[in-house]
């Protein structure tokens, strides 16, 4: 079983077998833990355009929660390369490892249909 944290309500993850999806309705902050995760915390409060973002109260803390869950139970944290979360949480740069054994892989979002190909 893999848990998906902070999924969109219309997420394709909901169509996959053996996936436990936590969207806004289920509230990922109540996830009990116990298995690896794929975490997609909101990035607007951390990203390049954060000065124009209007995150909900407490939204910024969701990313820190997600990092803690990935470090404790294993899995994947999905967040933009330009996010300030990397420095704040001590996440490793691509090609590096952190003290938790984590590592970073840079990917192009267009591989999954987001944006235009370069």
C-alpha atoms as a PDB file:
ATOM      1  CA  UNK A   1       0.000   0.000   0.000  1.00  0.00           C
ATOM      2  CA  UNK A   2       1.149   3.507  -0.843  1.00  0.00           C
ATOM      3  CA  UNK A   3      -0.563   6.585   0.518  1.00  0.00           C
ATOM      4  CA  UNK A   4      -0.924   9.702  -1.594  1.00  0.00           C
ATOM      5  CA  UNK A   5      -0.928  12.820   0.556  1.00  0.00           C
ATOM      6  CA  UNK A   6      -2.420  16.145  -0.553  1.00  0.00           C
ATOM      7  CA  UNK A   7      -3.915  14.810  -3.779  1.00  0.00           C
ATOM      8  CA  UNK A   8      -6.369  16.809  -5.836  1.00  0.00           C
ATOM      9  CA  UNK A   9      -9.988  15.762  -5.421  1.00  0.00           C
ATOM     10  CA  UNK A  10     -10.033  14.676  -9.094  1.00  0.00           C
ATOM     11  CA  UNK A  11      -6.673  12.883  -8.895  1.00  0.00           C
ATOM     12  CA  UNK A  12      -5.879   9.998 -11.229  1.00  0.00           C
ATOM     13  CA  UNK A  13      -4.358   8.246  -8.218  1.00  0.00           C
ATOM     14  CA  UNK A  14      -7.919   7.385  -7.177  1.00  0.00           C
ATOM     15  CA  UNK A  15      -8.162   5.025 -10.159  1.00  0.00           C
ATOM     16  CA  UNK A  16      -5.133   2.937  -9.140  1.00  0.00           C
ATOM     17  CA  UNK A  17      -5.238  -0.265  -7.069  1.00  0.00           C
ATOM     18  CA  UNK A  18      -3.425  -0.460  -3.713  1.00  0.00           C
ATOM     19  CA  UNK A  19      -3.287   3.319  -3.352  1.00  0.00           C
ATOM     20  CA  UNK A  20      -4.743   5.134  -0.347  1.00  0.00           C
ATOM     21  CA  UNK A  21      -5.527   8.675  -1.485  1.00  0.00           C
ATOM     22  CA  UNK A  22      -5.727  11.586   0.967  1.00  0.00           C
ATOM     23  CA  UNK A  23      -7.269  14.653  -0.645  1.00  0.00           C
ATOM     24  CA  UNK A  24      -8.603  17.785   1.101  1.00  0.00           C
ATOM     25  CA  UNK A  25     -11.778  15.974   2.157  1.00  0.00           C
ATOM     26  CA  UNK A  26      -9.843  13.225   3.972  1.00  0.00           C
ATOM     27  CA  UNK A  27      -7.303  15.689   5.438  1.00  0.00           C
ATOM     28  CA  UNK A  28      -3.770  14.346   5.092  1.00  0.00           C
ATOM     29  CA  UNK A  29      -2.880  15.795   8.491  1.00  0.00           C
ATOM     30  CA  UNK A  30      -4.939  12.962   9.999  1.00  0.00           C
ATOM     31  CA  UNK A  31      -3.100  10.250   8.029  1.00  0.00           C
ATOM     32  CA  UNK A  32      -2.021   7.623  10.609  1.00  0.00           C
ATOM     33  CA  UNK A  33       1.249   6.663   8.918  1.00  0.00           C
ATOM     34  CA  UNK A  34       2.660   3.186   8.531  1.00  0.00           C
ATOM     35  CA  UNK A  35       3.541   2.953   4.840  1.00  0.00           C
ATOM     36  CA  UNK A  36       5.421   4.889   2.125  1.00  0.00           C
ATOM     37  CA  UNK A  37       3.874   8.021   0.658  1.00  0.00           C
ATOM     38  CA  UNK A  38       3.824  10.142  -2.434  1.00  0.00           C
ATOM     39  CA  UNK A  39       3.322  13.654  -1.067  1.00  0.00           C
ATOM     40  CA  UNK A  40       2.097  16.569  -3.156  1.00  0.00           C
ATOM     41  CA  UNK A  41       1.838  19.445  -0.641  1.00  0.00           C
ATOM     42  CA  UNK A  42       0.694  22.814  -1.994  1.00  0.00           C
ATOM     43  CA  UNK A  43       3.631  24.823  -3.316  1.00  0.00           C
ATOM     44  CA  UNK A  44       2.222  28.301  -3.873  1.00  0.00           C
ATOM     45  CA  UNK A  45       3.473  29.598  -0.495  1.00  0.00           C
ATOM     46  CA  UNK A  46       6.982  28.291  -1.256  1.00  0.00           C
ATOM     47  CA  UNK A  47       7.388  28.919  -4.984  1.00  0.00           C
ATOM     48  CA  UNK A  48       8.803  31.636  -7.180  1.00  0.00           C
ATOM     49  CA  UNK A  49       5.508  33.543  -7.220  1.00  0.00           C
ATOM     50  CA  UNK A  50       4.849  33.249  -3.466  1.00  0.00           C
ATOM     51  CA  UNK A  51       4.767  37.049  -3.187  1.00  0.00           C
ATOM     52  CA  UNK A  52       1.562  36.974  -5.264  1.00  0.00           C
ATOM     53  CA  UNK A  53       0.125  33.798  -3.792  1.00  0.00           C
ATOM     54  CA  UNK A  54      -2.748  33.767  -1.380  1.00  0.00           C
ATOM     55  CA  UNK A  55      -2.342  30.482   0.500  1.00  0.00           C
ATOM     56  CA  UNK A  56      -4.921  29.455   3.064  1.00  0.00           C
ATOM     57  CA  UNK A  57      -3.989  29.779   6.718  1.00  0.00           C
ATOM     58  CA  UNK A  58      -1.667  26.925   7.698  1.00  0.00           C
ATOM     59  CA  UNK A  59      -1.054  25.850   4.096  1.00  0.00           C
ATOM     60  CA  UNK A  60       2.680  26.556   4.231  1.00  0.00           C
ATOM     61  CA  UNK A  61       3.061  24.077   7.120  1.00  0.00           C
ATOM     62  CA  UNK A  62       1.643  21.244   4.998  1.00  0.00           C
ATOM     63  CA  UNK A  63       4.925  20.982   3.101  1.00  0.00           C
ATOM     64  CA  UNK A  64       6.922  20.608   6.329  1.00  0.00           C
ATOM     65  CA  UNK A  65       4.472  17.909   7.457  1.00  0.00           C
ATOM     66  CA  UNK A  66       4.940  16.132   4.107  1.00  0.00           C
ATOM     67  CA  UNK A  67       8.737  16.189   4.420  1.00  0.00           C
ATOM     68  CA  UNK A  68       8.474  14.635   7.889  1.00  0.00           C
ATOM     69  CA  UNK A  69       6.226  11.842   6.625  1.00  0.00           C
ATOM     70  CA  UNK A  70       8.544  11.008   3.712  1.00  0.00           C
ATOM     71  CA  UNK A  71      11.534  10.934   6.049  1.00  0.00           C
ATOM     72  CA  UNK A  72       9.755   8.762   8.605  1.00  0.00           C
ATOM     73  CA  UNK A  73       7.931   6.289   6.323  1.00  0.00           C
ATOM     74  CA  UNK A  74       9.777   6.587   3.002  1.00  0.00           C
ATOM     75  CA  UNK A  75       8.447   7.676  -0.323  1.00  0.00           C
ATOM     76  CA  UNK A  76       8.466  10.675  -2.619  1.00  0.00           C
ATOM     77  CA  UNK A  77       8.027  14.399  -2.089  1.00  0.00           C
ATOM     78  CA  UNK A  78       6.921  16.263  -5.202  1.00  0.00           C
ATOM     79  CA  UNK A  79       7.784  19.977  -5.170  1.00  0.00           C
ATOM     80  CA  UNK A  80       9.127  22.534  -7.670  1.00  0.00           C
ATOM     81  CA  UNK A  81      12.887  22.922  -8.043  1.00  0.00           C
ATOM     82  CA  UNK A  82      12.635  26.661  -7.308  1.00  0.00           C
ATOM     83  CA  UNK A  83      10.728  26.117  -4.063  1.00  0.00           C
ATOM     84  CA  UNK A  84      12.184  27.623  -0.892  1.00  0.00           C
ATOM     85  CA  UNK A  85      11.149  24.411   0.859  1.00  0.00           C
ATOM     86  CA  UNK A  86      14.391  22.738  -0.259  1.00  0.00           C
ATOM     87  CA  UNK A  87      16.556  25.042   1.863  1.00  0.00           C
ATOM     88  CA  UNK A  88      14.112  25.371   4.783  1.00  0.00           C
ATOM     89  CA  UNK A  89      13.780  21.581   5.197  1.00  0.00           C
ATOM     90  CA  UNK A  90      17.434  20.789   4.440  1.00  0.00           C
ATOM     91  CA  UNK A  91      16.494  18.755   1.379  1.00  0.00           C
ATOM     92  CA  UNK A  92      19.398  17.573  -0.786  1.00  0.00           C
ATOM     93  CA  UNK A  93      20.318  19.122  -4.107  1.00  0.00           C
ATOM     94  CA  UNK A  94      20.132  16.852  -7.178  1.00  0.00           C
ATOM     95  CA  UNK A  95      22.912  14.283  -6.995  1.00  0.00           C
ATOM     96  CA  UNK A  96      23.326  14.692  -3.227  1.00  0.00           C
ATOM     97  CA  UNK A  97      22.040  12.701  -0.231  1.00  0.00           C
ATOM     98  CA  UNK A  98      20.844  14.058   3.080  1.00  0.00           C
ATOM     99  CA  UNK A  99      21.398  12.604   6.558  1.00  0.00           C
ATOM    100  CA  UNK A 100      18.108  10.700   6.252  1.00  0.00           C
ATOM    101  CA  UNK A 101      19.267   8.853   3.125  1.00  0.00           C
ATOM    102  CA  UNK A 102      17.012  10.951   0.927  1.00  0.00           C
ATOM    103  CA  UNK A 103      18.047  12.120  -2.500  1.00  0.00           C
ATOM    104  CA  UNK A 104      16.658  14.445  -5.131  1.00  0.00           C
ATOM    105  CA  UNK A 105      15.792  13.712  -8.730  1.00  0.00           C
ATOM    106  CA  UNK A 106      15.027  16.637 -10.971  1.00  0.00           C
ATOM    107  CA  UNK A 107      12.327  15.937 -13.553  1.00  0.00           C
ATOM    108  CA  UNK A 108      10.586  17.946 -16.221  1.00  0.00           C
ATOM    109  CA  UNK A 109       6.877  18.207 -15.522  1.00  0.00           C
ATOM    110  CA  UNK A 110       6.091  18.021 -19.222  1.00  0.00           C
ATOM    111  CA  UNK A 111       6.943  14.307 -18.945  1.00  0.00           C
ATOM    112  CA  UNK A 112       3.535  14.024 -17.266  1.00  0.00           C
ATOM    113  CA  UNK A 113       1.729  16.491 -19.507  1.00  0.00           C
ATOM    114  CA  UNK A 114       2.246  19.689 -17.489  1.00  0.00           C
ATOM    115  CA  UNK A 115       3.193  22.733 -19.558  1.00  0.00           C
ATOM    116  CA  UNK A 116       4.891  22.765 -22.909  1.00  0.00           C
ATOM    117  CA  UNK A 117       7.924  20.765 -23.866  1.00  0.00           C
ATOM    118  CA  UNK A 118      11.139  22.811 -23.925  1.00  0.00           C
END
